[in-house]
């Protein structure tokens, strides 16, 4: 006589395999959500830095070599930025460093932008 169906052991092994696969899928999904949030923060921080650079170019002022600080609101979040001029080998060109953070006291910038300005 032939048996039909699966034994209890076979069912338990199949359930264990499905449980492990489900946990791996949940872990991957969680990592994707965290990465998406981080990418969103980096994108907004780069936009804040780009806006500061555009303002500096439009003001046509020679950038000081001391850090200038400020903050702005974008995407319902307060962003803290700072910029300074950096001397180069050419007295008619000054480098610009712009950094953006979510927390003013943070040591690490979310975005950093480097550019140059020519003296007019």
PDB file of N, CA and C in Angstrom:
ATOM      1  N   UNK A   1       0.828  -1.172   0.000  1.00  0.00           N
ATOM      2  CA  UNK A   1       0.000   0.000   0.000  1.00  0.00           C
ATOM      3  C   UNK A   1       0.884   1.251   0.000  1.00  0.00           C
ATOM      4  N   UNK A   2       0.561   2.203  -0.893  1.00  0.00           N
ATOM      5  CA  UNK A   2       1.326   3.447  -0.983  1.00  0.00           C
ATOM      6  C   UNK A   2       0.747   4.485  -0.045  1.00  0.00           C
ATOM      7  N   UNK A   3       1.669   5.263   0.534  1.00  0.00           N
ATOM      8  CA  UNK A   3       1.219   6.362   1.392  1.00  0.00           C
ATOM      9  C   UNK A   3       1.095   7.628   0.557  1.00  0.00           C
ATOM     10  N   UNK A   4       0.122   8.418   0.905  1.00  0.00           N
ATOM     11  CA  UNK A   4      -0.042   9.709   0.248  1.00  0.00           C
ATOM     12  C   UNK A   4       0.117  10.793   1.288  1.00  0.00           C
ATOM     13  N   UNK A   5       0.652  11.939   0.856  1.00  0.00           N
ATOM     14  CA  UNK A   5       0.818  13.044   1.786  1.00  0.00           C
ATOM     15  C   UNK A   5       2.235  13.114   2.316  1.00  0.00           C
ATOM     16  N   UNK A   6       2.415  14.015   3.279  1.00  0.00           N
ATOM     17  CA  UNK A   6       3.742  14.275   3.833  1.00  0.00           C
ATOM     18  C   UNK A   6       3.752  13.918   5.311  1.00  0.00           C
ATOM     19  N   UNK A   7       4.900  13.501   5.778  1.00  0.00           N
ATOM     20  CA  UNK A   7       5.032  13.186   7.197  1.00  0.00           C
ATOM     21  C   UNK A   7       5.170  14.477   7.987  1.00  0.00           C
ATOM     22  N   UNK A   8       4.994  14.368   9.278  1.00  0.00           N
ATOM     23  CA  UNK A   8       5.112  15.531  10.153  1.00  0.00           C
ATOM     24  C   UNK A   8       6.503  16.141  10.065  1.00  0.00           C
ATOM     25  N   UNK A   9       7.521  15.326   9.980  1.00  0.00           N
ATOM     26  CA  UNK A   9       8.897  15.817   9.878  1.00  0.00           C
ATOM     27  C   UNK A   9       9.095  16.626   8.600  1.00  0.00           C
ATOM     28  N   UNK A  10       8.559  16.138   7.495  1.00  0.00           N
ATOM     29  CA  UNK A  10       8.681  16.860   6.223  1.00  0.00           C
ATOM     30  C   UNK A  10       7.973  18.213   6.290  1.00  0.00           C
ATOM     31  N   UNK A  11       6.827  18.261   6.910  1.00  0.00           N
ATOM     32  CA  UNK A  11       6.087  19.520   7.057  1.00  0.00           C
ATOM     33  C   UNK A  11       6.879  20.496   7.916  1.00  0.00           C
ATOM     34  N   UNK A  12       7.472  20.016   9.004  1.00  0.00           N
ATOM     35  CA  UNK A  12       8.238  20.899   9.894  1.00  0.00           C
ATOM     36  C   UNK A  12       9.485  21.444   9.195  1.00  0.00           C
ATOM     37  N   UNK A  13      10.159  20.623   8.413  1.00  0.00           N
ATOM     38  CA  UNK A  13      11.339  21.081   7.663  1.00  0.00           C
ATOM     39  C   UNK A  13      10.925  22.145   6.647  1.00  0.00           C
ATOM     40  N   UNK A  14       9.828  21.922   5.948  1.00  0.00           N
ATOM     41  CA  UNK A  14       9.346  22.898   4.965  1.00  0.00           C
ATOM     42  C   UNK A  14       8.994  24.223   5.644  1.00  0.00           C
ATOM     43  N   UNK A  15       8.353  24.158   6.813  1.00  0.00           N
ATOM     44  CA  UNK A  15       7.999  25.388   7.537  1.00  0.00           C
ATOM     45  C   UNK A  15       9.244  26.127   8.018  1.00  0.00           C
ATOM     46  N   UNK A  16      10.258  25.386   8.443  1.00  0.00           N
ATOM     47  CA  UNK A  16      11.507  26.020   8.879  1.00  0.00           C
ATOM     48  C   UNK A  16      12.179  26.742   7.716  1.00  0.00           C
ATOM     49  N   UNK A  17      12.183  26.114   6.551  1.00  0.00           N
ATOM     50  CA  UNK A  17      12.783  26.748   5.365  1.00  0.00           C
ATOM     51  C   UNK A  17      12.020  28.021   5.004  1.00  0.00           C
ATOM     52  N   UNK A  18      10.702  27.971   5.027  1.00  0.00           N
ATOM     53  CA  UNK A  18       9.894  29.156   4.728  1.00  0.00           C
ATOM     54  C   UNK A  18      10.112  30.259   5.766  1.00  0.00           C
ATOM     55  N   UNK A  19      10.257  29.892   7.026  1.00  0.00           N
ATOM     56  CA  UNK A  19      10.490  30.886   8.074  1.00  0.00           C
ATOM     57  C   UNK A  19      11.829  31.590   7.872  1.00  0.00           C
ATOM     58  N   UNK A  20      12.864  30.833   7.538  1.00  0.00           N
ATOM     59  CA  UNK A  20      14.187  31.430   7.297  1.00  0.00           C
ATOM     60  C   UNK A  20      14.135  32.361   6.091  1.00  0.00           C
ATOM     61  N   UNK A  21      13.464  31.939   5.038  1.00  0.00           N
ATOM     62  CA  UNK A  21      13.334  32.784   3.843  1.00  0.00           C
ATOM     63  C   UNK A  21      12.554  34.057   4.172  1.00  0.00           C
ATOM     64  N   UNK A  22      11.514  33.932   4.975  1.00  0.00           N
ATOM     65  CA  UNK A  22      10.725  35.106   5.380  1.00  0.00           C
ATOM     66  C   UNK A  22      11.537  36.090   6.200  1.00  0.00           C
ATOM     67  N   UNK A  23      12.359  35.585   7.125  1.00  0.00           N
ATOM     68  CA  UNK A  23      13.214  36.467   7.926  1.00  0.00           C
ATOM     69  C   UNK A  23      14.230  37.201   7.057  1.00  0.00           C
ATOM     70  N   UNK A  24      14.802  36.498   6.095  1.00  0.00           N
ATOM     71  CA  UNK A  24      15.765  37.139   5.192  1.00  0.00           C
ATOM     72  C   UNK A  24      15.088  38.237   4.377  1.00  0.00           C
ATOM     73  N   UNK A  25      13.882  37.985   3.925  1.00  0.00           N
ATOM     74  CA  UNK A  25      13.137  38.980   3.161  1.00  0.00           C
ATOM     75  C   UNK A  25      12.804  40.199   4.020  1.00  0.00           C
ATOM     76  N   UNK A  26      12.406  39.978   5.268  1.00  0.00           N
ATOM     77  CA  UNK A  26      12.102  41.095   6.171  1.00  0.00           C
ATOM     78  C   UNK A  26      13.350  41.929   6.451  1.00  0.00           C
ATOM     79  N   UNK A  27      14.490  41.284   6.637  1.00  0.00           N
ATOM     80  CA  UNK A  27      15.737  42.004   6.895  1.00  0.00           C
ATOM     81  C   UNK A  27      16.108  42.871   5.694  1.00  0.00           C
ATOM     82  N   UNK A  28      15.996  42.315   4.509  1.00  0.00           N
ATOM     83  CA  UNK A  28      16.309  43.059   3.292  1.00  0.00           C
ATOM     84  C   UNK A  28      15.381  44.259   3.130  1.00  0.00           C
ATOM     85  N   UNK A  29      14.105  44.078   3.396  1.00  0.00           N
ATOM     86  CA  UNK A  29      13.148  45.178   3.287  1.00  0.00           C
ATOM     87  C   UNK A  29      13.473  46.287   4.279  1.00  0.00           C
ATOM     88  N   UNK A  30      13.830  45.926   5.501  1.00  0.00           N
ATOM     89  CA  UNK A  30      14.196  46.919   6.507  1.00  0.00           C
ATOM     90  C   UNK A  30      15.424  47.713   6.106  1.00  0.00           C
ATOM     91  N   UNK A  31      16.412  47.040   5.538  1.00  0.00           N
ATOM     92  CA  UNK A  31      17.619  47.730   5.080  1.00  0.00           C
ATOM     93  C   UNK A  31      17.305  48.687   3.940  1.00  0.00           C
ATOM     94  N   UNK A  32      16.412  48.297   3.055  1.00  0.00           N
ATOM     95  CA  UNK A  32      16.037  49.166   1.946  1.00  0.00           C
ATOM     96  C   UNK A  32      15.352  50.432   2.447  1.00  0.00           C
ATOM     97  N   UNK A  33      14.504  50.313   3.451  1.00  0.00           N
ATOM     98  CA  UNK A  33      13.835  51.484   4.014  1.00  0.00           C
ATOM     99  C   UNK A  33      14.858  52.416   4.655  1.00  0.00           C
ATOM    100  N   UNK A  34      15.809  51.866   5.402  1.00  0.00           N
ATOM    101  CA  UNK A  34      16.851  52.696   6.024  1.00  0.00           C
ATOM    102  C   UNK A  34      17.698  53.388   4.962  1.00  0.00           C
ATOM    103  N   UNK A  35      18.070  52.672   3.922  1.00  0.00           N
ATOM    104  CA  UNK A  35      18.873  53.261   2.849  1.00  0.00           C
ATOM    105  C   UNK A  35      18.107  54.348   2.113  1.00  0.00           C
ATOM    106  N   UNK A  36      16.816  54.148   1.909  1.00  0.00           N
ATOM    107  CA  UNK A  36      16.006  55.150   1.229  1.00  0.00           C
ATOM    108  C   UNK A  36      15.964  56.441   2.037  1.00  0.00           C
ATOM    109  N   UNK A  37      15.810  56.336   3.348  1.00  0.00           N
ATOM    110  CA  UNK A  37      15.800  57.514   4.210  1.00  0.00           C
ATOM    111  C   UNK A  37      17.139  58.237   4.141  1.00  0.00           C
ATOM    112  N   UNK A  38      18.215  57.501   4.181  1.00  0.00           N
ATOM    113  CA  UNK A  38      19.556  58.105   4.108  1.00  0.00           C
ATOM    114  C   UNK A  38      19.773  58.800   2.765  1.00  0.00           C
ATOM    115  N   UNK A  39      19.361  58.158   1.677  1.00  0.00           N
ATOM    116  CA  UNK A  39      19.495  58.775   0.359  1.00  0.00           C
ATOM    117  C   UNK A  39      18.663  60.048   0.248  1.00  0.00           C
ATOM    118  N   UNK A  40      17.479  60.031   0.829  1.00  0.00           N
ATOM    119  CA  UNK A  40      16.630  61.220   0.820  1.00  0.00           C
ATOM    120  C   UNK A  40      17.307  62.362   1.571  1.00  0.00           C
ATOM    121  N   UNK A  41      17.884  62.081   2.739  1.00  0.00           N
ATOM    122  CA  UNK A  41      18.591  63.108   3.502  1.00  0.00           C
ATOM    123  C   UNK A  41      19.771  63.663   2.715  1.00  0.00           C
ATOM    124  N   UNK A  42      20.530  62.789   2.077  1.00  0.00           N
ATOM    125  CA  UNK A  42      21.683  63.242   1.291  1.00  0.00           C
ATOM    126  C   UNK A  42      21.240  64.123   0.125  1.00  0.00           C
ATOM    127  N   UNK A  43      20.146  63.759  -0.526  1.00  0.00           N
ATOM    128  CA  UNK A  43      19.665  64.563  -1.654  1.00  0.00           C
ATOM    129  C   UNK A  43      19.257  65.958  -1.193  1.00  0.00           C
ATOM    130  N   UNK A  44      18.479  66.046  -0.107  1.00  0.00           N
ATOM    131  CA  UNK A  44      18.067  67.352   0.402  1.00  0.00           C
ATOM    132  C   UNK A  44      19.274  68.168   0.856  1.00  0.00           C
ATOM    133  N   UNK A  45      20.238  67.523   1.503  1.00  0.00           N
ATOM    134  CA  UNK A  45      21.439  68.234   1.957  1.00  0.00           C
ATOM    135  C   UNK A  45      22.219  68.795   0.771  1.00  0.00           C
ATOM    136  N   UNK A  46      22.306  68.038  -0.311  1.00  0.00           N
ATOM    137  CA  UNK A  46      22.993  68.545  -1.509  1.00  0.00           C
ATOM    138  C   UNK A  46      22.230  69.717  -2.124  1.00  0.00           C
ATOM    139  N   UNK A  47      20.916  69.684  -2.079  1.00  0.00           N
ATOM    140  CA  UNK A  47      20.143  70.819  -2.586  1.00  0.00           C
ATOM    141  C   UNK A  47      20.386  72.060  -1.733  1.00  0.00           C
ATOM    142  N   UNK A  48      20.464  71.886  -0.423  1.00  0.00           N
ATOM    143  CA  UNK A  48      20.760  73.023   0.458  1.00  0.00           C
ATOM    144  C   UNK A  48      22.137  73.594   0.115  1.00  0.00           C
ATOM    145  N   UNK A  49      23.126  72.725  -0.075  1.00  0.00           N
ATOM    146  CA  UNK A  49      24.472  73.182  -0.434  1.00  0.00           C
ATOM    147  C   UNK A  49      24.460  73.897  -1.784  1.00  0.00           C
ATOM    148  N   UNK A  50      23.752  73.354  -2.754  1.00  0.00           N
ATOM    149  CA  UNK A  50      23.644  74.006  -4.066  1.00  0.00           C
ATOM    150  C   UNK A  50      22.993  75.378  -3.950  1.00  0.00           C
ATOM    151  N   UNK A  51      21.961  75.492  -3.121  1.00  0.00           N
ATOM    152  CA  UNK A  51      21.301  76.784  -2.920  1.00  0.00           C
ATOM    153  C   UNK A  51      22.251  77.799  -2.297  1.00  0.00           C
ATOM    154  N   UNK A  52      23.057  77.373  -1.335  1.00  0.00           N
ATOM    155  CA  UNK A  52      24.028  78.283  -0.720  1.00  0.00           C
ATOM    156  C   UNK A  52      25.066  78.737  -1.741  1.00  0.00           C
ATOM    157  N   UNK A  53      25.527  77.820  -2.564  1.00  0.00           N
ATOM    158  CA  UNK A  53      26.497  78.168  -3.602  1.00  0.00           C
ATOM    159  C   UNK A  53      25.892  79.172  -4.583  1.00  0.00           C
ATOM    160  N   UNK A  54      24.657  78.952  -4.991  1.00  0.00           N
ATOM    161  CA  UNK A  54      23.990  79.883  -5.910  1.00  0.00           C
ATOM    162  C   UNK A  54      23.854  81.264  -5.273  1.00  0.00           C
ATOM    163  N   UNK A  55      23.508  81.324  -3.988  1.00  0.00           N
ATOM    164  CA  UNK A  55      23.402  82.614  -3.304  1.00  0.00           C
ATOM    165  C   UNK A  55      24.745  83.323  -3.256  1.00  0.00           C
ATOM    166  N   UNK A  56      25.805  82.595  -2.979  1.00  0.00           N
ATOM    167  CA  UNK A  56      27.132  83.207  -2.938  1.00  0.00           C
ATOM    168  C   UNK A  56      27.518  83.770  -4.300  1.00  0.00           C
ATOM    169  N   UNK A  57      27.228  83.043  -5.357  1.00  0.00           N
ATOM    170  CA  UNK A  57      27.536  83.533  -6.704  1.00  0.00           C
ATOM    171  C   UNK A  57      26.701  84.770  -7.043  1.00  0.00           C
ATOM    172  N   UNK A  58      25.424  84.755  -6.652  1.00  0.00           N
ATOM    173  CA  UNK A  58      24.555  85.889  -6.961  1.00  0.00           C
ATOM    174  C   UNK A  58      24.925  87.137  -6.164  1.00  0.00           C
ATOM    175  N   UNK A  59      25.426  86.972  -4.944  1.00  0.00           N
ATOM    176  CA  UNK A  59      25.820  88.119  -4.122  1.00  0.00           C
ATOM    177  C   UNK A  59      27.098  88.771  -4.628  1.00  0.00           C
ATOM    178  N   UNK A  60      27.889  88.024  -5.366  1.00  0.00           N
ATOM    179  CA  UNK A  60      29.150  88.504  -5.936  1.00  0.00           C
ATOM    180  C   UNK A  60      30.085  89.092  -4.870  1.00  0.00           C
ATOM    181  N   UNK A  61      30.100  88.469  -3.711  1.00  0.00           N
ATOM    182  CA  UNK A  61      31.028  88.896  -2.660  1.00  0.00           C
ATOM    183  C   UNK A  61      32.195  87.926  -2.605  1.00  0.00           C
ATOM    184  N   UNK A  62      33.364  88.462  -2.274  1.00  0.00           N
ATOM    185  CA  UNK A  62      34.565  87.639  -2.142  1.00  0.00           C
ATOM    186  C   UNK A  62      34.434  86.842  -0.851  1.00  0.00           C
ATOM    187  N   UNK A  63      34.445  85.520  -0.903  1.00  0.00           N
ATOM    188  CA  UNK A  63      34.186  84.717   0.301  1.00  0.00           C
ATOM    189  C   UNK A  63      35.283  84.862   1.357  1.00  0.00           C
ATOM    190  N   UNK A  64      34.857  85.094   2.584  1.00  0.00           N
ATOM    191  CA  UNK A  64      35.792  85.189   3.712  1.00  0.00           C
ATOM    192  C   UNK A  64      36.364  83.810   4.017  1.00  0.00           C
ATOM    193  N   UNK A  65      37.535  83.795   4.646  1.00  0.00           N
ATOM    194  CA  UNK A  65      38.178  82.516   4.947  1.00  0.00           C
ATOM    195  C   UNK A  65      37.776  81.963   6.312  1.00  0.00           C
ATOM    196  N   UNK A  66      36.862  82.614   6.998  1.00  0.00           N
ATOM    197  CA  UNK A  66      36.323  82.085   8.251  1.00  0.00           C
ATOM    198  C   UNK A  66      34.981  81.409   7.942  1.00  0.00           C
ATOM    199  N   UNK A  67      34.646  80.432   8.765  1.00  0.00           N
ATOM    200  CA  UNK A  67      33.373  79.737   8.580  1.00  0.00           C
ATOM    201  C   UNK A  67      32.220  80.703   8.805  1.00  0.00           C
ATOM    202  N   UNK A  68      31.281  80.713   7.887  1.00  0.00           N
ATOM    203  CA  UNK A  68      30.029  81.459   8.010  1.00  0.00           C
ATOM    204  C   UNK A  68      28.931  80.420   8.239  1.00  0.00           C
ATOM    205  N   UNK A  69      28.097  80.651   9.242  1.00  0.00           N
ATOM    206  CA  UNK A  69      27.090  79.656   9.630  1.00  0.00           C
ATOM    207  C   UNK A  69      25.689  80.176   9.348  1.00  0.00           C
ATOM    208  N   UNK A  70      24.771  79.259   9.162  1.00  0.00           N
ATOM    209  CA  UNK A  70      23.368  79.608   9.009  1.00  0.00           C
ATOM    210  C   UNK A  70      22.522  78.354   8.978  1.00  0.00           C
ATOM    211  N   UNK A  71      21.227  78.558   8.826  1.00  0.00           N
ATOM    212  CA  UNK A  71      20.327  77.412   8.703  1.00  0.00           C
ATOM    213  C   UNK A  71      19.195  77.779   7.772  1.00  0.00           C
ATOM    214  N   UNK A  72      18.567  76.769   7.262  1.00  0.00           N
ATOM    215  CA  UNK A  72      17.449  76.960   6.348  1.00  0.00           C
ATOM    216  C   UNK A  72      16.464  75.816   6.530  1.00  0.00           C
ATOM    217  N   UNK A  73      15.248  76.049   6.107  1.00  0.00           N
ATOM    218  CA  UNK A  73      14.202  75.037   6.209  1.00  0.00           C
ATOM    219  C   UNK A  73      13.934  74.469   4.817  1.00  0.00           C
ATOM    220  N   UNK A  74      14.036  73.160   4.695  1.00  0.00           N
ATOM    221  CA  UNK A  74      13.720  72.489   3.433  1.00  0.00           C
ATOM    222  C   UNK A  74      13.096  71.143   3.760  1.00  0.00           C
ATOM    223  N   UNK A  75      12.021  70.825   3.072  1.00  0.00           N
ATOM    224  CA  UNK A  75      11.307  69.555   3.260  1.00  0.00           C
ATOM    225  C   UNK A  75      10.891  69.383   4.719  1.00  0.00           C
ATOM    226  N   UNK A  76      10.400  70.469   5.294  1.00  0.00           N
ATOM    227  CA  UNK A  76       9.921  70.473   6.681  1.00  0.00           C
ATOM    228  C   UNK A  76      10.988  70.028   7.671  1.00  0.00           C
ATOM    229  N   UNK A  77      12.237  70.337   7.354  1.00  0.00           N
ATOM    230  CA  UNK A  77      13.347  69.968   8.225  1.00  0.00           C
ATOM    231  C   UNK A  77      14.332  71.130   8.275  1.00  0.00           C
ATOM    232  N   UNK A  78      14.907  71.372   9.443  1.00  0.00           N
ATOM    233  CA  UNK A  78      15.901  72.427   9.619  1.00  0.00           C
ATOM    234  C   UNK A  78      17.271  71.877   9.254  1.00  0.00           C
ATOM    235  N   UNK A  79      17.957  72.549   8.327  1.00  0.00           N
ATOM    236  CA  UNK A  79      19.285  72.149   7.867  1.00  0.00           C
ATOM    237  C   UNK A  79      20.279  73.214   8.287  1.00  0.00           C
ATOM    238  N   UNK A  80      21.402  72.791   8.821  1.00  0.00           N
ATOM    239  CA  UNK A  80      22.455  73.711   9.253  1.00  0.00           C
ATOM    240  C   UNK A  80      23.592  73.653   8.241  1.00  0.00           C
ATOM    241  N   UNK A  81      23.953  74.820   7.719  1.00  0.00           N
ATOM    242  CA  UNK A  81      25.012  74.881   6.722  1.00  0.00           C
ATOM    243  C   UNK A  81      26.124  75.798   7.220  1.00  0.00           C
ATOM    244  N   UNK A  82      27.291  75.598   6.649  1.00  0.00           N
ATOM    245  CA  UNK A  82      28.400  76.506   6.887  1.00  0.00           C
ATOM    246  C   UNK A  82      29.272  76.512   5.643  1.00  0.00           C
ATOM    247  N   UNK A  83      29.901  77.661   5.393  1.00  0.00           N
ATOM    248  CA  UNK A  83      30.780  77.764   4.241  1.00  0.00           C
ATOM    249  C   UNK A  83      31.957  78.660   4.597  1.00  0.00           C
ATOM    250  N   UNK A  84      33.026  78.499   3.844  1.00  0.00           N
ATOM    251  CA  UNK A  84      34.198  79.352   3.996  1.00  0.00           C
ATOM    252  C   UNK A  84      34.967  79.379   2.684  1.00  0.00           C
ATOM    253  N   UNK A  85      35.723  80.443   2.533  1.00  0.00           N
ATOM    254  CA  UNK A  85      36.622  80.551   1.399  1.00  0.00           C
ATOM    255  C   UNK A  85      37.943  79.880   1.742  1.00  0.00           C
ATOM    256  N   UNK A  86      38.595  79.336   0.742  1.00  0.00           N
ATOM    257  CA  UNK A  86      39.878  78.663   0.924  1.00  0.00           C
ATOM    258  C   UNK A  86      40.857  79.287  -0.064  1.00  0.00           C
ATOM    259  N   UNK A  87      42.012  79.716   0.459  1.00  0.00           N
ATOM    260  CA  UNK A  87      42.985  80.341  -0.434  1.00  0.00           C
ATOM    261  C   UNK A  87      43.563  79.302  -1.392  1.00  0.00           C
ATOM    262  N   UNK A  88      43.851  79.775  -2.594  1.00  0.00           N
ATOM    263  CA  UNK A  88      44.469  78.933  -3.615  1.00  0.00           C
ATOM    264  C   UNK A  88      45.805  79.569  -3.988  1.00  0.00           C
ATOM    265  N   UNK A  89      46.515  78.982  -4.886  1.00  0.00           N
ATOM    266  CA  UNK A  89      47.787  79.541  -5.326  1.00  0.00           C
ATOM    267  C   UNK A  89      47.621  80.821  -6.136  1.00  0.00           C
ATOM    268  N   UNK A  90      46.421  81.064  -6.636  1.00  0.00           N
ATOM    269  CA  UNK A  90      46.132  82.242  -7.455  1.00  0.00           C
ATOM    270  C   UNK A  90      45.352  83.256  -6.618  1.00  0.00           C
ATOM    271  N   UNK A  91      45.848  84.496  -6.468  1.00  0.00           N
ATOM    272  CA  UNK A  91      45.129  85.480  -5.652  1.00  0.00           C
ATOM    273  C   UNK A  91      43.784  85.893  -6.250  1.00  0.00           C
ATOM    274  N   UNK A  92      43.528  85.591  -7.508  1.00  0.00           N
ATOM    275  CA  UNK A  92      42.255  85.938  -8.130  1.00  0.00           C
ATOM    276  C   UNK A  92      41.214  84.837  -8.055  1.00  0.00           C
ATOM    277  N   UNK A  93      41.576  83.716  -7.455  1.00  0.00           N
ATOM    278  CA  UNK A  93      40.644  82.587  -7.333  1.00  0.00           C
ATOM    279  C   UNK A  93      40.604  82.136  -5.878  1.00  0.00           C
ATOM    280  N   UNK A  94      39.414  81.942  -5.384  1.00  0.00           N
ATOM    281  CA  UNK A  94      39.259  81.436  -4.022  1.00  0.00           C
ATOM    282  C   UNK A  94      38.379  80.193  -4.053  1.00  0.00           C
ATOM    283  N   UNK A  95      38.825  79.166  -3.357  1.00  0.00           N
ATOM    284  CA  UNK A  95      38.024  77.956  -3.231  1.00  0.00           C
ATOM    285  C   UNK A  95      36.873  78.183  -2.261  1.00  0.00           C
ATOM    286  N   UNK A  96      35.829  77.414  -2.404  1.00  0.00           N
ATOM    287  CA  UNK A  96      34.675  77.470  -1.506  1.00  0.00           C
ATOM    288  C   UNK A  96      34.397  76.077  -0.966  1.00  0.00           C
ATOM    289  N   UNK A  97      34.191  75.991   0.329  1.00  0.00           N
ATOM    290  CA  UNK A  97      33.766  74.742   0.970  1.00  0.00           C
ATOM    291  C   UNK A  97      32.410  74.992   1.606  1.00  0.00           C
ATOM    292  N   UNK A  98      31.448  74.153   1.289  1.00  0.00           N
ATOM    293  CA  UNK A  98      30.112  74.258   1.875  1.00  0.00           C
ATOM    294  C   UNK A  98      29.781  72.907   2.494  1.00  0.00           C
ATOM    295  N   UNK A  99      29.339  72.925   3.751  1.00  0.00           N
ATOM    296  CA  UNK A  99      28.953  71.699   4.456  1.00  0.00           C
ATOM    297  C   UNK A  99      27.538  71.845   4.986  1.00  0.00           C
ATOM    298  N   UNK A 100      26.785  70.757   4.973  1.00  0.00           N
ATOM    299  CA  UNK A 100      25.398  70.756   5.447  1.00  0.00           C
ATOM    300  C   UNK A 100      25.218  69.616   6.436  1.00  0.00           C
ATOM    301  N   UNK A 101      24.528  69.936   7.545  1.00  0.00           N
ATOM    302  CA  UNK A 101      24.264  68.959   8.609  1.00  0.00           C
ATOM    303  C   UNK A 101      22.804  69.047   9.046  1.00  0.00           C
ATOM    304  N   UNK A 102      22.324  67.976   9.649  1.00  0.00           N
ATOM    305  CA  UNK A 102      20.998  68.003  10.270  1.00  0.00           C
ATOM    306  C   UNK A 102      21.074  68.508  11.700  1.00  0.00           C
ATOM    307  N   UNK A 103      22.196  68.271  12.346  1.00  0.00           N
ATOM    308  CA  UNK A 103      22.411  68.700  13.723  1.00  0.00           C
ATOM    309  C   UNK A 103      23.609  69.641  13.739  1.00  0.00           C
ATOM    310  N   UNK A 104      23.421  70.825  14.281  1.00  0.00           N
ATOM    311  CA  UNK A 104      24.474  71.844  14.254  1.00  0.00           C
ATOM    312  C   UNK A 104      25.754  71.376  14.933  1.00  0.00           C
ATOM    313  N   UNK A 105      25.638  70.531  15.945  1.00  0.00           N
ATOM    314  CA  UNK A 105      26.814  70.084  16.694  1.00  0.00           C
ATOM    315  C   UNK A 105      27.443  68.808  16.116  1.00  0.00           C
ATOM    316  N   UNK A 106      26.882  68.282  15.045  1.00  0.00           N
ATOM    317  CA  UNK A 106      27.402  67.049  14.451  1.00  0.00           C
ATOM    318  C   UNK A 106      28.791  67.267  13.867  1.00  0.00           C
ATOM    319  N   UNK A 107      29.652  66.273  14.033  1.00  0.00           N
ATOM    320  CA  UNK A 107      31.012  66.348  13.501  1.00  0.00           C
ATOM    321  C   UNK A 107      31.059  66.023  12.010  1.00  0.00           C
ATOM    322  N   UNK A 108      30.095  65.250  11.530  1.00  0.00           N
ATOM    323  CA  UNK A 108      30.124  64.782  10.148  1.00  0.00           C
ATOM    324  C   UNK A 108      29.030  65.460   9.324  1.00  0.00           C
ATOM    325  N   UNK A 109      29.424  66.018   8.197  1.00  0.00           N
ATOM    326  CA  UNK A 109      28.466  66.651   7.294  1.00  0.00           C
ATOM    327  C   UNK A 109      27.756  65.586   6.462  1.00  0.00           C
ATOM    328  N   UNK A 110      26.480  65.811   6.209  1.00  0.00           N
ATOM    329  CA  UNK A 110      25.732  64.913   5.333  1.00  0.00           C
ATOM    330  C   UNK A 110      26.127  65.176   3.883  1.00  0.00           C
ATOM    331  N   UNK A 111      26.366  66.448   3.570  1.00  0.00           N
ATOM    332  CA  UNK A 111      26.781  66.810   2.213  1.00  0.00           C
ATOM    333  C   UNK A 111      27.897  67.837   2.296  1.00  0.00           C
ATOM    334  N   UNK A 112      28.836  67.745   1.381  1.00  0.00           N
ATOM    335  CA  UNK A 112      29.922  68.722   1.270  1.00  0.00           C
ATOM    336  C   UNK A 112      30.076  69.072  -0.203  1.00  0.00           C
ATOM    337  N   UNK A 113      30.244  70.354  -0.463  1.00  0.00           N
ATOM    338  CA  UNK A 113      30.364  70.836  -1.832  1.00  0.00           C
ATOM    339  C   UNK A 113      31.606  71.708  -1.923  1.00  0.00           C
ATOM    340  N   UNK A 114      32.380  71.522  -2.967  1.00  0.00           N
ATOM    341  CA  UNK A 114      33.598  72.307  -3.180  1.00  0.00           C
ATOM    342  C   UNK A 114      33.491  72.985  -4.540  1.00  0.00           C
ATOM    343  N   UNK A 115      33.831  74.273  -4.554  1.00  0.00           N
ATOM    344  CA  UNK A 115      33.764  75.023  -5.796  1.00  0.00           C
ATOM    345  C   UNK A 115      34.815  76.128  -5.756  1.00  0.00           C
ATOM    346  N   UNK A 116      34.843  76.969  -6.781  1.00  0.00           N
ATOM    347  CA  UNK A 116      35.791  78.073  -6.843  1.00  0.00           C
ATOM    348  C   UNK A 116      35.064  79.326  -7.277  1.00  0.00           C
ATOM    349  N   UNK A 117      35.581  80.457  -6.836  1.00  0.00           N
ATOM    350  CA  UNK A 117      35.023  81.737  -7.237  1.00  0.00           C
ATOM    351  C   UNK A 117      36.159  82.616  -7.750  1.00  0.00           C
ATOM    352  N   UNK A 118      35.894  83.303  -8.851  1.00  0.00           N
ATOM    353  CA  UNK A 118      36.889  84.177  -9.464  1.00  0.00           C
ATOM    354  C   UNK A 118      36.616  85.604  -9.026  1.00  0.00           C
ATOM    355  N   UNK A 119      37.669  86.321  -8.643  1.00  0.00           N
ATOM    356  CA  UNK A 119      37.535  87.707  -8.204  1.00  0.00           C
ATOM    357  C   UNK A 119      37.242  88.587  -9.412  1.00  0.00           C
ATOM    358  N   UNK A 120      36.243  89.441  -9.251  1.00  0.00           N
ATOM    359  CA  UNK A 120      35.869  90.333 -10.360  1.00  0.00           C
ATOM    360  C   UNK A 120      36.450  91.706 -10.163  1.00  0.00           C
TER     361      UNK A 120
END
